[in-house]
Amino acid sequence: MDQIMRSDRSPLFRKTISPWYDSEAFCVVVILLMVVVSLFSLCGLWAAQDNLAYNSYLWVPVSLLLMCLYVIFSIAIRLARRFSRQEDPYR
């Protein structure tokens, strides 16, 4: 009498819930912020090249620029994969 119907496996129609830090809007915001930080590092690069006393510190803006570019490309690849997996709603 007390039988509960249980499914053997999870249904396939469920949409996976991505965390807030992996949403499209947040990824776009992070890319825009990384572009701003990249511009800041380019300004630091130009300032360090102009002043001879700061030539030995060129590694700081270069490393900041490389890290920003890495973040931009990794998030752009993630977004591109996500958009390529989405089905065409007009099919």
Protein backbone atom coordinates (compact mmCIF):
# COMPACT_ATOMS: atom_id res chain seq x y z
CA MET A 1 0.00 0.00 0.00
CA ASP A 2 2.77 2.39 0.81
CA GLN A 3 4.60 2.08 -2.42
CA ILE A 4 6.31 5.10 -3.87
CA MET A 5 7.10 5.18 -7.52
CA ARG A 6 10.76 6.04 -7.99
CA SER A 7 12.54 6.69 -11.21
CA ASP A 8 15.66 4.72 -11.89
CA ARG A 9 17.52 7.58 -13.46
CA SER A 10 17.30 11.32 -13.59
CA PRO A 11 15.19 12.78 -16.38
CA LEU A 12 16.98 14.02 -19.47
CA PHE A 13 14.85 17.12 -19.91
CA ARG A 14 16.38 18.93 -16.96
CA LYS A 15 18.48 21.94 -17.78
CA THR A 16 21.75 22.16 -15.91
CA ILE A 17 21.91 25.15 -13.62
CA SER A 18 25.17 27.01 -13.96
CA PRO A 19 26.47 29.04 -11.03
CA TRP A 20 26.17 32.83 -11.06
CA TYR A 21 29.88 33.30 -11.78
CA ASP A 22 29.54 31.24 -14.96
CA SER A 23 26.62 33.12 -16.47
CA GLU A 24 26.91 34.86 -19.83
CA ALA A 25 26.40 38.31 -18.32
CA PHE A 26 29.10 37.82 -15.70
CA CYS A 27 31.55 36.46 -18.28
CA VAL A 28 30.98 39.52 -20.48
CA VAL A 29 31.53 41.82 -17.47
CA VAL A 30 34.78 40.01 -16.63
CA ILE A 31 35.99 40.34 -20.23
CA LEU A 32 35.23 44.07 -20.21
CA LEU A 33 37.04 44.54 -16.91
CA MET A 34 40.03 42.60 -18.22
CA VAL A 35 40.14 44.88 -21.28
CA VAL A 36 40.30 47.88 -18.93
CA VAL A 37 43.08 46.27 -16.89
CA SER A 38 44.93 45.42 -20.12
CA LEU A 39 44.79 49.07 -21.16
CA PHE A 40 46.12 50.00 -17.73
CA SER A 41 49.00 47.55 -18.13
CA LEU A 42 49.79 48.98 -21.58
CA CYS A 43 49.97 52.45 -20.04
CA GLY A 44 52.32 51.06 -17.41
CA LEU A 45 54.40 49.46 -20.13
CA TRP A 46 54.73 52.76 -22.00
CA ALA A 47 55.57 54.63 -18.78
CA ALA A 48 58.23 52.08 -17.82
CA GLN A 49 59.81 52.29 -21.27
CA ASP A 50 59.94 56.10 -21.19
CA ASN A 51 61.67 56.34 -17.81
CA LEU A 52 65.10 54.68 -17.65
CA ALA A 53 64.82 54.18 -13.88
CA TYR A 54 61.81 51.91 -14.37
CA ASN A 55 63.16 49.76 -17.22
CA SER A 56 63.99 46.95 -14.82
CA TYR A 57 60.32 46.79 -13.78
CA LEU A 58 58.94 46.10 -17.24
CA TRP A 59 58.05 42.57 -16.15
CA VAL A 60 55.21 43.84 -13.95
CA PRO A 61 53.01 45.36 -16.69
CA VAL A 62 53.98 42.60 -19.13
CA SER A 63 52.93 39.88 -16.69
CA LEU A 64 49.71 41.75 -15.91
CA LEU A 65 48.96 42.03 -19.62
CA LEU A 66 49.65 38.33 -20.22
CA MET A 67 47.42 37.29 -17.33
CA CYS A 68 44.59 39.52 -18.57
CA LEU A 69 44.90 38.14 -22.09
CA TYR A 70 44.82 34.60 -20.72
CA VAL A 71 41.61 35.32 -18.80
CA ILE A 72 40.03 37.03 -21.82
CA PHE A 73 40.82 34.16 -24.17
CA SER A 74 39.77 31.43 -21.73
CA ILE A 75 36.42 33.08 -21.06
CA ALA A 76 35.90 33.81 -24.76
CA ILE A 77 36.54 30.15 -25.59
CA ARG A 78 34.10 29.10 -22.86
CA LEU A 79 31.41 31.43 -24.22
CA ALA A 80 32.05 30.31 -27.80
CA ARG A 81 31.66 26.65 -26.81
CA ARG A 82 28.48 27.44 -24.91
CA PHE A 83 26.95 29.32 -27.84
CA SER A 84 27.98 26.63 -30.32
CA ARG A 85 26.24 23.93 -28.22
CA GLN A 86 22.94 25.77 -28.13
CA GLU A 87 20.37 24.50 -30.55
CA ASP A 88 18.90 26.72 -33.20
CA PRO A 89 15.38 27.66 -32.01
CA TYR A 90 14.16 28.12 -35.60
CA ARG A 91 14.81 24.52 -36.72
